[in-house]
PDB file of N, CA and C in Angstrom:
ATOM      1  N   MET A   1     -13.166  28.595  14.019  1.00  0.00           N
ATOM      2  CA  MET A   1     -12.263  27.857  13.518  1.00  0.00           C
ATOM      3  C   MET A   1     -11.073  28.146  13.955  1.00  0.00           C
ATOM      4  N   GLY A   2     -10.100  27.141  14.286  1.00  0.00           N
ATOM      5  CA  GLY A   2      -8.753  27.191  14.976  1.00  0.00           C
ATOM      6  C   GLY A   2      -7.791  27.260  13.724  1.00  0.00           C
ATOM      7  N   ILE A   3      -6.645  27.776  14.140  1.00  0.00           N
ATOM      8  CA  ILE A   3      -5.595  27.707  13.057  1.00  0.00           C
ATOM      9  C   ILE A   3      -4.866  26.467  13.162  1.00  0.00           C
ATOM     10  N   THR A   4      -4.381  26.025  12.065  1.00  0.00           N
ATOM     11  CA  THR A   4      -3.804  24.574  11.882  1.00  0.00           C
ATOM     12  C   THR A   4      -2.364  24.612  12.483  1.00  0.00           C
ATOM     13  N   LYS A   5      -1.719  25.601  12.600  1.00  0.00           N
ATOM     14  CA  LYS A   5      -0.404  25.739  13.081  1.00  0.00           C
ATOM     15  C   LYS A   5       0.660  24.856  12.298  1.00  0.00           C
ATOM     16  N   THR A   6       0.596  24.726  11.309  1.00  0.00           N
ATOM     17  CA  THR A   6       1.407  24.034  10.362  1.00  0.00           C
ATOM     18  C   THR A   6       2.891  24.526  10.428  1.00  0.00           C
ATOM     19  N   ALA A   7       2.948  25.620  10.767  1.00  0.00           N
ATOM     20  CA  ALA A   7       4.370  26.019  10.863  1.00  0.00           C
ATOM     21  C   ALA A   7       5.121  25.597  11.963  1.00  0.00           C
ATOM     22  N   ALA A   8       4.489  25.156  13.050  1.00  0.00           N
ATOM     23  CA  ALA A   8       4.992  24.369  14.072  1.00  0.00           C
ATOM     24  C   ALA A   8       5.661  23.154  13.951  1.00  0.00           C
ATOM     25  N   PHE A   9       5.462  22.671  12.583  1.00  0.00           N
ATOM     26  CA  PHE A   9       6.106  21.355  12.206  1.00  0.00           C
ATOM     27  C   PHE A   9       7.061  21.477  11.230  1.00  0.00           C
ATOM     28  N   THR A  10       7.769  20.290  11.022  1.00  0.00           N
ATOM     29  CA  THR A  10       9.098  20.476  10.002  1.00  0.00           C
ATOM     30  C   THR A  10       8.496  20.434   8.664  1.00  0.00           C
ATOM     31  N   LYS A  11       9.358  20.785   7.655  1.00  0.00           N
ATOM     32  CA  LYS A  11       8.847  20.863   6.448  1.00  0.00           C
ATOM     33  C   LYS A  11       8.562  19.531   5.775  1.00  0.00           C
ATOM     34  N   GLU A  12       9.363  18.536   6.412  1.00  0.00           N
ATOM     35  CA  GLU A  12       9.061  17.013   5.978  1.00  0.00           C
ATOM     36  C   GLU A  12       7.718  16.643   6.552  1.00  0.00           C
ATOM     37  N   HIS A  13       7.364  16.960   7.716  1.00  0.00           N
ATOM     38  CA  HIS A  13       5.970  16.705   8.374  1.00  0.00           C
ATOM     39  C   HIS A  13       4.988  17.342   7.561  1.00  0.00           C
ATOM     40  N   ASN A  14       5.002  18.489   7.184  1.00  0.00           N
ATOM     41  CA  ASN A  14       3.895  19.077   6.249  1.00  0.00           C
ATOM     42  C   ASN A  14       3.901  18.384   4.882  1.00  0.00           C
ATOM     43  N   ARG A  15       4.983  18.101   4.282  1.00  0.00           N
ATOM     44  CA  ARG A  15       4.931  17.454   2.940  1.00  0.00           C
ATOM     45  C   ARG A  15       4.328  16.112   2.963  1.00  0.00           C
ATOM     46  N   ILE A  16       4.797  15.298   3.947  1.00  0.00           N
ATOM     47  CA  ILE A  16       4.100  14.114   4.124  1.00  0.00           C
ATOM     48  C   ILE A  16       2.703  14.036   4.421  1.00  0.00           C
ATOM     49  N   ALA A  17       2.382  15.126   5.172  1.00  0.00           N
ATOM     50  CA  ALA A  17       0.961  15.242   5.610  1.00  0.00           C
ATOM     51  C   ALA A  17       0.182  15.526   4.195  1.00  0.00           C
ATOM     52  N   VAL A  18       0.604  16.426   3.526  1.00  0.00           N
ATOM     53  CA  VAL A  18      -0.107  16.933   2.328  1.00  0.00           C
ATOM     54  C   VAL A  18      -0.300  15.583   1.299  1.00  0.00           C
ATOM     55  N   LEU A  19       0.897  14.918   1.147  1.00  0.00           N
ATOM     56  CA  LEU A  19       0.822  13.712   0.111  1.00  0.00           C
ATOM     57  C   LEU A  19      -0.340  12.623   0.876  1.00  0.00           C
ATOM     58  N   LEU A  20      -0.202  12.449   2.147  1.00  0.00           N
ATOM     59  CA  LEU A  20      -1.169  11.350   2.734  1.00  0.00           C
ATOM     60  C   LEU A  20      -2.580  11.942   2.554  1.00  0.00           C
ATOM     61  N   LYS A  21      -2.740  13.198   2.732  1.00  0.00           N
ATOM     62  CA  LYS A  21      -4.254  13.687   2.697  1.00  0.00           C
ATOM     63  C   LYS A  21      -4.607  13.612   1.317  1.00  0.00           C
ATOM     64  N   ALA A  22      -3.952  13.864   0.321  1.00  0.00           N
ATOM     65  CA  ALA A  22      -4.255  13.649  -1.009  1.00  0.00           C
ATOM     66  C   ALA A  22      -4.735  12.206  -1.538  1.00  0.00           C
ATOM     67  N   MET A  23      -3.986  11.421  -0.646  1.00  0.00           N
ATOM     68  CA  MET A  23      -4.268   9.880  -0.988  1.00  0.00           C
ATOM     69  C   MET A  23      -5.417   9.329  -0.044  1.00  0.00           C
ATOM     70  N   ALA A  24      -6.097  10.040   0.809  1.00  0.00           N
ATOM     71  CA  ALA A  24      -6.940   9.703   1.679  1.00  0.00           C
ATOM     72  C   ALA A  24      -8.376   9.797   1.225  1.00  0.00           C
ATOM     73  N   HIS A  25      -8.538   9.115   0.005  1.00  0.00           N
ATOM     74  CA  HIS A  25      -9.768   8.831  -0.568  1.00  0.00           C
ATOM     75  C   HIS A  25      -9.787   7.650  -1.585  1.00  0.00           C
ATOM     76  N   PRO A  26     -10.733   6.752  -1.587  1.00  0.00           N
ATOM     77  CA  PRO A  26     -10.557   5.545  -2.260  1.00  0.00           C
ATOM     78  C   PRO A  26     -10.427   5.798  -3.861  1.00  0.00           C
ATOM     79  N   ALA A  27     -11.203   6.921  -4.317  1.00  0.00           N
ATOM     80  CA  ALA A  27     -11.162   7.289  -5.734  1.00  0.00           C
ATOM     81  C   ALA A  27      -9.707   7.562  -6.021  1.00  0.00           C
ATOM     82  N   ARG A  28      -8.878   8.341  -5.290  1.00  0.00           N
ATOM     83  CA  ARG A  28      -7.526   8.619  -5.625  1.00  0.00           C
ATOM     84  C   ARG A  28      -6.746   7.567  -5.445  1.00  0.00           C
ATOM     85  N   VAL A  29      -6.932   6.672  -4.644  1.00  0.00           N
ATOM     86  CA  VAL A  29      -5.965   5.491  -4.537  1.00  0.00           C
ATOM     87  C   VAL A  29      -6.141   4.560  -5.990  1.00  0.00           C
ATOM     88  N   ALA A  30      -7.549   4.440  -6.143  1.00  0.00           N
ATOM     89  CA  ALA A  30      -7.985   3.970  -7.601  1.00  0.00           C
ATOM     90  C   ALA A  30      -7.215   4.497  -8.721  1.00  0.00           C
ATOM     91  N   ILE A  31      -7.200   5.898  -8.675  1.00  0.00           N
ATOM     92  CA  ILE A  31      -6.430   6.731  -9.731  1.00  0.00           C
ATOM     93  C   ILE A  31      -5.034   6.303  -9.828  1.00  0.00           C
ATOM     94  N   ILE A  32      -4.366   6.310  -8.469  1.00  0.00           N
ATOM     95  CA  ILE A  32      -2.829   6.171  -8.681  1.00  0.00           C
ATOM     96  C   ILE A  32      -2.749   4.709  -9.215  1.00  0.00           C
ATOM     97  N   ASP A  33      -3.544   3.667  -8.515  1.00  0.00           N
ATOM     98  CA  ASP A  33      -3.305   2.285  -9.062  1.00  0.00           C
ATOM     99  C   ASP A  33      -3.578   2.139 -10.577  1.00  0.00           C
ATOM    100  N   TYR A  34      -4.539   2.828 -11.041  1.00  0.00           N
ATOM    101  CA  TYR A  34      -4.796   2.645 -12.615  1.00  0.00           C
ATOM    102  C   TYR A  34      -3.513   3.217 -13.335  1.00  0.00           C
ATOM    103  N   LEU A  35      -2.948   4.367 -12.961  1.00  0.00           N
ATOM    104  CA  LEU A  35      -1.762   5.179 -13.530  1.00  0.00           C
ATOM    105  C   LEU A  35      -0.672   4.078 -13.561  1.00  0.00           C
ATOM    106  N   LEU A  36      -0.496   3.399 -12.397  1.00  0.00           N
ATOM    107  CA  LEU A  36       0.546   2.468 -12.327  1.00  0.00           C
ATOM    108  C   LEU A  36       0.470   1.212 -13.302  1.00  0.00           C
ATOM    109  N   GLN A  37      -0.865   0.904 -13.636  1.00  0.00           N
ATOM    110  CA  GLN A  37      -1.050  -0.182 -14.527  1.00  0.00           C
ATOM    111  C   GLN A  37      -0.707   0.182 -15.963  1.00  0.00           C
ATOM    112  N   VAL A  38      -1.166   1.454 -16.332  1.00  0.00           N
ATOM    113  CA  VAL A  38      -0.938   1.967 -17.591  1.00  0.00           C
ATOM    114  C   VAL A  38       0.173   2.906 -17.994  1.00  0.00           C
ATOM    115  N   ASP A  39       1.052   3.187 -16.974  1.00  0.00           N
ATOM    116  CA  ASP A  39       1.911   3.959 -17.294  1.00  0.00           C
ATOM    117  C   ASP A  39       1.601   5.469 -17.287  1.00  0.00           C
ATOM    118  N   THR A  40       0.807   5.784 -18.346  1.00  0.00           N
ATOM    119  CA  THR A  40       0.310   7.039 -18.420  1.00  0.00           C
ATOM    120  C   THR A  40      -1.149   7.048 -19.259  1.00  0.00           C
ATOM    121  N   CYS A  41      -1.842   8.014 -19.178  1.00  0.00           N
ATOM    122  CA  CYS A  41      -3.301   7.922 -19.726  1.00  0.00           C
ATOM    123  C   CYS A  41      -3.713   9.329 -19.868  1.00  0.00           C
ATOM    124  N   ILE A  42      -4.869   9.478 -20.543  1.00  0.00           N
ATOM    125  CA  ILE A  42      -5.573  10.676 -20.592  1.00  0.00           C
ATOM    126  C   ILE A  42      -6.897  10.699 -19.565  1.00  0.00           C
ATOM    127  N   CYS A  43      -7.127  11.859 -19.341  1.00  0.00           N
ATOM    128  CA  CYS A  43      -8.278  11.921 -18.238  1.00  0.00           C
ATOM    129  C   CYS A  43      -9.624  10.952 -18.697  1.00  0.00           C
ATOM    130  N   GLY A  44     -10.092  11.044 -19.949  1.00  0.00           N
ATOM    131  CA  GLY A  44     -11.165  10.058 -20.312  1.00  0.00           C
ATOM    132  C   GLY A  44     -10.903   8.904 -20.004  1.00  0.00           C
ATOM    133  N   ASP A  45      -9.767   8.228 -20.141  1.00  0.00           N
ATOM    134  CA  ASP A  45      -9.399   6.830 -19.916  1.00  0.00           C
ATOM    135  C   ASP A  45      -9.778   6.627 -18.338  1.00  0.00           C
ATOM    136  N   ILE A  46      -9.322   7.468 -17.436  1.00  0.00           N
ATOM    137  CA  ILE A  46      -9.544   7.234 -15.978  1.00  0.00           C
ATOM    138  C   ILE A  46     -11.022   7.458 -15.819  1.00  0.00           C
ATOM    139  N   VAL A  47     -11.724   8.307 -16.397  1.00  0.00           N
ATOM    140  CA  VAL A  47     -13.167   8.373 -16.101  1.00  0.00           C
ATOM    141  C   VAL A  47     -13.823   6.839 -16.372  1.00  0.00           C
ATOM    142  N   ASN A  48     -13.375   6.318 -17.722  1.00  0.00           N
ATOM    143  CA  ASN A  48     -13.904   5.047 -18.064  1.00  0.00           C
ATOM    144  C   ASN A  48     -13.659   3.934 -17.102  1.00  0.00           C
ATOM    145  N   GLU A  49     -12.676   3.978 -16.217  1.00  0.00           N
ATOM    146  CA  GLU A  49     -12.139   3.072 -15.173  1.00  0.00           C
ATOM    147  C   GLU A  49     -13.051   3.295 -13.892  1.00  0.00           C
ATOM    148  N   LEU A  50     -13.540   4.375 -13.570  1.00  0.00           N
ATOM    149  CA  LEU A  50     -14.072   4.543 -12.226  1.00  0.00           C
ATOM    150  C   LEU A  50     -15.525   4.833 -12.388  1.00  0.00           C
ATOM    151  N   PRO A  51     -16.384   4.284 -11.279  1.00  0.00           N
ATOM    152  CA  PRO A  51     -17.784   4.722 -11.276  1.00  0.00           C
ATOM    153  C   PRO A  51     -18.021   5.940 -10.893  1.00  0.00           C
ATOM    154  N   LEU A  52     -17.407   7.038 -11.436  1.00  0.00           N
ATOM    155  CA  LEU A  52     -17.613   8.406 -11.011  1.00  0.00           C
ATOM    156  C   LEU A  52     -17.906   9.321 -12.189  1.00  0.00           C
ATOM    157  N   ALA A  53     -18.564  10.433 -12.146  1.00  0.00           N
ATOM    158  CA  ALA A  53     -18.695  11.317 -13.133  1.00  0.00           C
ATOM    159  C   ALA A  53     -17.385  12.140 -13.449  1.00  0.00           C
ATOM    160  N   GLN A  54     -17.389  12.528 -14.667  1.00  0.00           N
ATOM    161  CA  GLN A  54     -16.218  13.198 -15.278  1.00  0.00           C
ATOM    162  C   GLN A  54     -15.625  14.447 -14.443  1.00  0.00           C
ATOM    163  N   ALA A  55     -16.706  14.962 -13.920  1.00  0.00           N
ATOM    164  CA  ALA A  55     -16.356  16.416 -13.135  1.00  0.00           C
ATOM    165  C   ALA A  55     -15.647  15.883 -11.770  1.00  0.00           C
ATOM    166  N   THR A  56     -16.140  14.685 -11.157  1.00  0.00           N
ATOM    167  CA  THR A  56     -15.665  14.184  -9.874  1.00  0.00           C
ATOM    168  C   THR A  56     -14.308  13.643 -10.073  1.00  0.00           C
ATOM    169  N   VAL A  57     -14.196  13.006 -11.035  1.00  0.00           N
ATOM    170  CA  VAL A  57     -12.731  12.506 -11.437  1.00  0.00           C
ATOM    171  C   VAL A  57     -11.632  13.786 -11.602  1.00  0.00           C
ATOM    172  N   SER A  58     -12.228  14.714 -12.179  1.00  0.00           N
ATOM    173  CA  SER A  58     -11.401  15.894 -12.363  1.00  0.00           C
ATOM    174  C   SER A  58     -10.946  16.468 -11.272  1.00  0.00           C
ATOM    175  N   GLN A  59     -11.925  16.475 -10.250  1.00  0.00           N
ATOM    176  CA  GLN A  59     -11.568  17.154  -9.064  1.00  0.00           C
ATOM    177  C   GLN A  59     -10.604  16.092  -8.188  1.00  0.00           C
ATOM    178  N   HIS A  60     -10.676  15.021  -8.451  1.00  0.00           N
ATOM    179  CA  HIS A  60      -9.686  14.168  -7.579  1.00  0.00           C
ATOM    180  C   HIS A  60      -8.250  14.409  -8.255  1.00  0.00           C
ATOM    181  N   LEU A  61      -8.252  14.247  -9.803  1.00  0.00           N
ATOM    182  CA  LEU A  61      -7.025  14.547 -10.288  1.00  0.00           C
ATOM    183  C   LEU A  61      -6.362  15.809  -9.979  1.00  0.00           C
ATOM    184  N   LYS A  62      -7.175  16.825  -9.800  1.00  0.00           N
ATOM    185  CA  LYS A  62      -6.618  17.991  -9.337  1.00  0.00           C
ATOM    186  C   LYS A  62      -6.102  18.013  -7.954  1.00  0.00           C
ATOM    187  N   ALA A  63      -6.597  17.323  -7.173  1.00  0.00           N
ATOM    188  CA  ALA A  63      -6.126  17.266  -5.731  1.00  0.00           C
ATOM    189  C   ALA A  63      -4.853  16.324  -5.684  1.00  0.00           C
ATOM    190  N   LEU A  64      -4.761  15.317  -6.446  1.00  0.00           N
ATOM    191  CA  LEU A  64      -3.509  14.653  -6.702  1.00  0.00           C
ATOM    192  C   LEU A  64      -2.366  15.294  -7.355  1.00  0.00           C
ATOM    193  N   LYS A  65      -2.832  16.146  -8.310  1.00  0.00           N
ATOM    194  CA  LYS A  65      -1.744  16.928  -9.064  1.00  0.00           C
ATOM    195  C   LYS A  65      -1.287  18.167  -8.089  1.00  0.00           C
ATOM    196  N   SER A  66      -2.132  18.584  -7.384  1.00  0.00           N
ATOM    197  CA  SER A  66      -1.898  19.782  -6.199  1.00  0.00           C
ATOM    198  C   SER A  66      -0.951  19.414  -5.343  1.00  0.00           C
ATOM    199  N   ALA A  67      -1.025  18.002  -4.829  1.00  0.00           N
ATOM    200  CA  ALA A  67      -0.328  17.590  -3.696  1.00  0.00           C
ATOM    201  C   ALA A  67       0.944  17.141  -4.371  1.00  0.00           C
ATOM    202  N   GLY A  68       1.168  17.072  -5.729  1.00  0.00           N
ATOM    203  CA  GLY A  68       2.462  16.562  -6.208  1.00  0.00           C
ATOM    204  C   GLY A  68       2.511  15.166  -6.453  1.00  0.00           C
ATOM    205  N   LEU A  69       1.528  14.427  -6.383  1.00  0.00           N
ATOM    206  CA  LEU A  69       1.508  12.928  -6.524  1.00  0.00           C
ATOM    207  C   LEU A  69       1.560  12.597  -8.041  1.00  0.00           C
ATOM    208  N   ILE A  70       0.787  13.327  -8.856  1.00  0.00           N
ATOM    209  CA  ILE A  70       0.830  13.058 -10.357  1.00  0.00           C
ATOM    210  C   ILE A  70       1.367  14.405 -11.019  1.00  0.00           C
ATOM    211  N   LYS A  71       1.636  14.050 -12.273  1.00  0.00           N
ATOM    212  CA  LYS A  71       2.031  15.110 -13.111  1.00  0.00           C
ATOM    213  C   LYS A  71       1.087  15.117 -14.462  1.00  0.00           C
ATOM    214  N   GLY A  72       0.863  16.162 -15.089  1.00  0.00           N
ATOM    215  CA  GLY A  72      -0.023  16.171 -16.194  1.00  0.00           C
ATOM    216  C   GLY A  72       0.570  17.052 -17.387  1.00  0.00           C
ATOM    217  N   THR A  73       0.594  16.611 -18.521  1.00  0.00           N
ATOM    218  CA  THR A  73       0.938  17.414 -19.790  1.00  0.00           C
ATOM    219  C   THR A  73      -0.231  17.608 -20.788  1.00  0.00           C
ATOM    220  N   ILE A  74      -0.361  18.509 -21.256  1.00  0.00           N
ATOM    221  CA  ILE A  74      -1.345  18.947 -22.177  1.00  0.00           C
ATOM    222  C   ILE A  74      -0.909  18.295 -23.525  1.00  0.00           C
ATOM    223  N   GLU A  75      -1.916  17.371 -24.170  1.00  0.00           N
ATOM    224  CA  GLU A  75      -1.477  16.952 -25.487  1.00  0.00           C
ATOM    225  C   GLU A  75      -2.827  17.072 -26.239  1.00  0.00           C
ATOM    226  N   GLY A  76      -2.722  18.051 -27.018  1.00  0.00           N
ATOM    227  CA  GLY A  76      -4.097  18.481 -27.916  1.00  0.00           C
ATOM    228  C   GLY A  76      -5.141  18.863 -27.022  1.00  0.00           C
ATOM    229  N   ASN A  77      -6.143  18.123 -27.008  1.00  0.00           N
ATOM    230  CA  ASN A  77      -7.396  18.606 -25.941  1.00  0.00           C
ATOM    231  C   ASN A  77      -7.469  17.851 -24.943  1.00  0.00           C
ATOM    232  N   SER A  78      -6.335  16.949 -24.661  1.00  0.00           N
ATOM    233  CA  SER A  78      -6.507  16.037 -23.276  1.00  0.00           C
ATOM    234  C   SER A  78      -5.275  16.383 -22.564  1.00  0.00           C
ATOM    235  N   ILE A  79      -5.510  16.033 -21.406  1.00  0.00           N
ATOM    236  CA  ILE A  79      -4.361  16.028 -20.402  1.00  0.00           C
ATOM    237  C   ILE A  79      -3.724  14.570 -20.217  1.00  0.00           C
ATOM    238  N   CYS A  80      -2.431  14.314 -20.418  1.00  0.00           N
ATOM    239  CA  CYS A  80      -1.844  13.156 -20.037  1.00  0.00           C
ATOM    240  C   CYS A  80      -1.274  13.060 -18.550  1.00  0.00           C
ATOM    241  N   TYR A  81      -1.868  12.238 -17.947  1.00  0.00           N
ATOM    242  CA  TYR A  81      -1.293  12.119 -16.331  1.00  0.00           C
ATOM    243  C   TYR A  81      -0.340  11.036 -16.206  1.00  0.00           C
ATOM    244  N   CYS A  82       0.585  11.179 -15.351  1.00  0.00           N
ATOM    245  CA  CYS A  82       1.568  10.283 -14.961  1.00  0.00           C
ATOM    246  C   CYS A  82       1.937  10.313 -13.551  1.00  0.00           C
ATOM    247  N   ILE A  83       2.533   9.140 -12.919  1.00  0.00           N
ATOM    248  CA  ILE A  83       2.880   9.426 -11.554  1.00  0.00           C
ATOM    249  C   ILE A  83       4.060  10.210 -11.271  1.00  0.00           C
ATOM    250  N   ASP A  84       4.075  10.931 -10.308  1.00  0.00           N
ATOM    251  CA  ASP A  84       5.289  11.800 -10.000  1.00  0.00           C
ATOM    252  C   ASP A  84       6.228  10.990  -8.993  1.00  0.00           C
ATOM    253  N   GLU A  85       7.248  10.370  -9.663  1.00  0.00           N
ATOM    254  CA  GLU A  85       8.107   9.287  -8.853  1.00  0.00           C
ATOM    255  C   GLU A  85       8.611  10.149  -7.777  1.00  0.00           C
ATOM    256  N   THR A  86       9.062  11.243  -7.649  1.00  0.00           N
ATOM    257  CA  THR A  86       9.806  11.944  -6.544  1.00  0.00           C
ATOM    258  C   THR A  86       8.755  11.858  -5.244  1.00  0.00           C
ATOM    259  N   SER A  87       7.502  12.295  -5.597  1.00  0.00           N
ATOM    260  CA  SER A  87       6.612  12.234  -4.450  1.00  0.00           C
ATOM    261  C   SER A  87       6.428  10.666  -3.890  1.00  0.00           C
ATOM    262  N   ILE A  88       6.321   9.962  -4.725  1.00  0.00           N
ATOM    263  CA  ILE A  88       6.232   8.319  -4.335  1.00  0.00           C
ATOM    264  C   ILE A  88       7.462   7.929  -3.591  1.00  0.00           C
ATOM    265  N   ALA A  89       8.591   8.539  -4.052  1.00  0.00           N
ATOM    266  CA  ALA A  89       9.780   8.046  -3.163  1.00  0.00           C
ATOM    267  C   ALA A  89       9.838   8.828  -1.756  1.00  0.00           C
ATOM    268  N   ASP A  90       9.197  10.096  -1.655  1.00  0.00           N
ATOM    269  CA  ASP A  90       9.146  10.606  -0.355  1.00  0.00           C
ATOM    270  C   ASP A  90       8.213   9.615   0.431  1.00  0.00           C
ATOM    271  N   LEU A  91       7.190   9.116  -0.061  1.00  0.00           N
ATOM    272  CA  LEU A  91       6.397   8.388   0.794  1.00  0.00           C
ATOM    273  C   LEU A  91       6.834   7.196   1.120  1.00  0.00           C
ATOM    274  N   ARG A  92       7.634   6.469   0.237  1.00  0.00           N
ATOM    275  CA  ARG A  92       8.380   5.133   0.392  1.00  0.00           C
ATOM    276  C   ARG A  92       9.460   5.576   1.538  1.00  0.00           C
ATOM    277  N   HIS A  93      10.252   6.582   1.579  1.00  0.00           N
ATOM    278  CA  HIS A  93      11.326   6.869   2.532  1.00  0.00           C
ATOM    279  C   HIS A  93      10.629   7.089   3.816  1.00  0.00           C
ATOM    280  N   TYR A  94       9.558   7.636   4.005  1.00  0.00           N
ATOM    281  CA  TYR A  94       8.931   7.970   5.077  1.00  0.00           C
ATOM    282  C   TYR A  94       8.547   6.669   5.774  1.00  0.00           C
ATOM    283  N   PHE A  95       7.690   5.781   5.121  1.00  0.00           N
ATOM    284  CA  PHE A  95       7.173   4.613   5.582  1.00  0.00           C
ATOM    285  C   PHE A  95       8.236   3.562   5.666  1.00  0.00           C
ATOM    286  N   ALA A  96       9.458   3.786   5.173  1.00  0.00           N
ATOM    287  CA  ALA A  96      10.721   2.666   5.442  1.00  0.00           C
ATOM    288  C   ALA A  96      11.220   3.368   6.821  1.00  0.00           C
ATOM    289  N   GLN A  97      11.043   4.338   7.219  1.00  0.00           N
ATOM    290  CA  GLN A  97      11.631   4.947   8.459  1.00  0.00           C
ATOM    291  C   GLN A  97      10.756   4.590   9.418  1.00  0.00           C
ATOM    292  N   ILE A  98       9.228   4.544   9.373  1.00  0.00           N
ATOM    293  CA  ILE A  98       8.500   3.861  10.365  1.00  0.00           C
ATOM    294  C   ILE A  98       8.547   2.560  10.623  1.00  0.00           C
ATOM    295  N   TYR A  99       8.822   1.649   9.383  1.00  0.00           N
ATOM    296  CA  TYR A  99       9.026   0.175   9.581  1.00  0.00           C
ATOM    297  C   TYR A  99      10.429  -0.135  10.277  1.00  0.00           C
ATOM    298  N   SER A 100      11.485   0.584   9.962  1.00  0.00           N
ATOM    299  CA  SER A 100      12.731   0.359  10.569  1.00  0.00           C
ATOM    300  C   SER A 100      12.641   0.799  12.276  1.00  0.00           C
ATOM    301  N   SER A 101      11.900   1.703  12.380  1.00  0.00           N
ATOM    302  CA  SER A 101      11.793   2.139  13.830  1.00  0.00           C
ATOM    303  C   SER A 101      11.058   1.012  14.555  1.00  0.00           C
ATOM    304  N   LEU A 102       9.804   0.465  13.955  1.00  0.00           N
ATOM    305  CA  LEU A 102       9.213  -0.418  14.412  1.00  0.00           C
ATOM    306  C   LEU A 102       9.998  -1.861  14.625  1.00  0.00           C
ATOM    307  N   GLU A 103      10.780  -2.282  13.683  1.00  0.00           N
ATOM    308  CA  GLU A 103      11.607  -3.318  13.775  1.00  0.00           C
ATOM    309  C   GLU A 103      12.588  -3.264  15.082  1.00  0.00           C
ATOM    310  N   THR A 104      13.018  -1.989  15.267  1.00  0.00           N
ATOM    311  CA  THR A 104      14.005  -1.876  16.416  1.00  0.00           C
ATOM    312  C   THR A 104      13.304  -1.977  17.654  1.00  0.00           C
ATOM    313  N   LYS A 105      12.122  -1.303  17.687  1.00  0.00           N
ATOM    314  CA  LYS A 105      11.281  -1.454  18.923  1.00  0.00           C
ATOM    315  C   LYS A 105      10.775  -2.939  19.192  1.00  0.00           C
ATOM    316  N   ARG A 106      10.526  -3.592  18.220  1.00  0.00           N
ATOM    317  CA  ARG A 106      10.020  -4.934  18.417  1.00  0.00           C
ATOM    318  C   ARG A 106      10.997  -5.619  19.133  1.00  0.00           C
ATOM    319  N   LYS A 107      12.315  -5.537  18.821  1.00  0.00           N
ATOM    320  CA  LYS A 107      13.444  -6.267  19.463  1.00  0.00           C
ATOM    321  C   LYS A 107      13.508  -5.836  20.871  1.00  0.00           C
ATOM    322  N   ASN A 108      13.183  -4.567  21.178  1.00  0.00           N
ATOM    323  CA  ASN A 108      13.407  -4.276  22.681  1.00  0.00           C
ATOM    324  C   ASN A 108      12.008  -4.128  23.391  1.00  0.00           C
ATOM    325  N   CYS A 109      11.029  -4.688  22.956  1.00  0.00           N
ATOM    326  CA  CYS A 109       9.570  -4.413  23.405  1.00  0.00           C
ATOM    327  C   CYS A 109       8.880  -5.510  23.328  1.00  0.00           C
ATOM    328  N   CYS A 110       7.551  -5.438  23.891  1.00  0.00           N
ATOM    329  CA  CYS A 110       6.662  -6.645  23.872  1.00  0.00           C
ATOM    330  C   CYS A 110       6.837  -7.423  22.649  1.00  0.00           C
TER     331      CYS A 110
END
């Protein structure tokens, strides 16, 4: 197995890659969508919204939290999850740069 050589890329490239990798599963996209709809919730609520087992949902929540896309605070026996707005802003900025670059190229290209 080869080495990924992430050190050869910028800090921003690595950060965006981590965020996008965490989003690269439909269950995780569904979790983000649900959190956007309800603002905050507990893990049990998310389990009721997805056609997945509680353990599977927990693994997806762990991946999203590890990447920094969501935050979780302990409230009694539950963990209340919400969107980490800083990470979403990072993604927005990245995609805005792509869009801006494409707009410029479109004027000068095919």
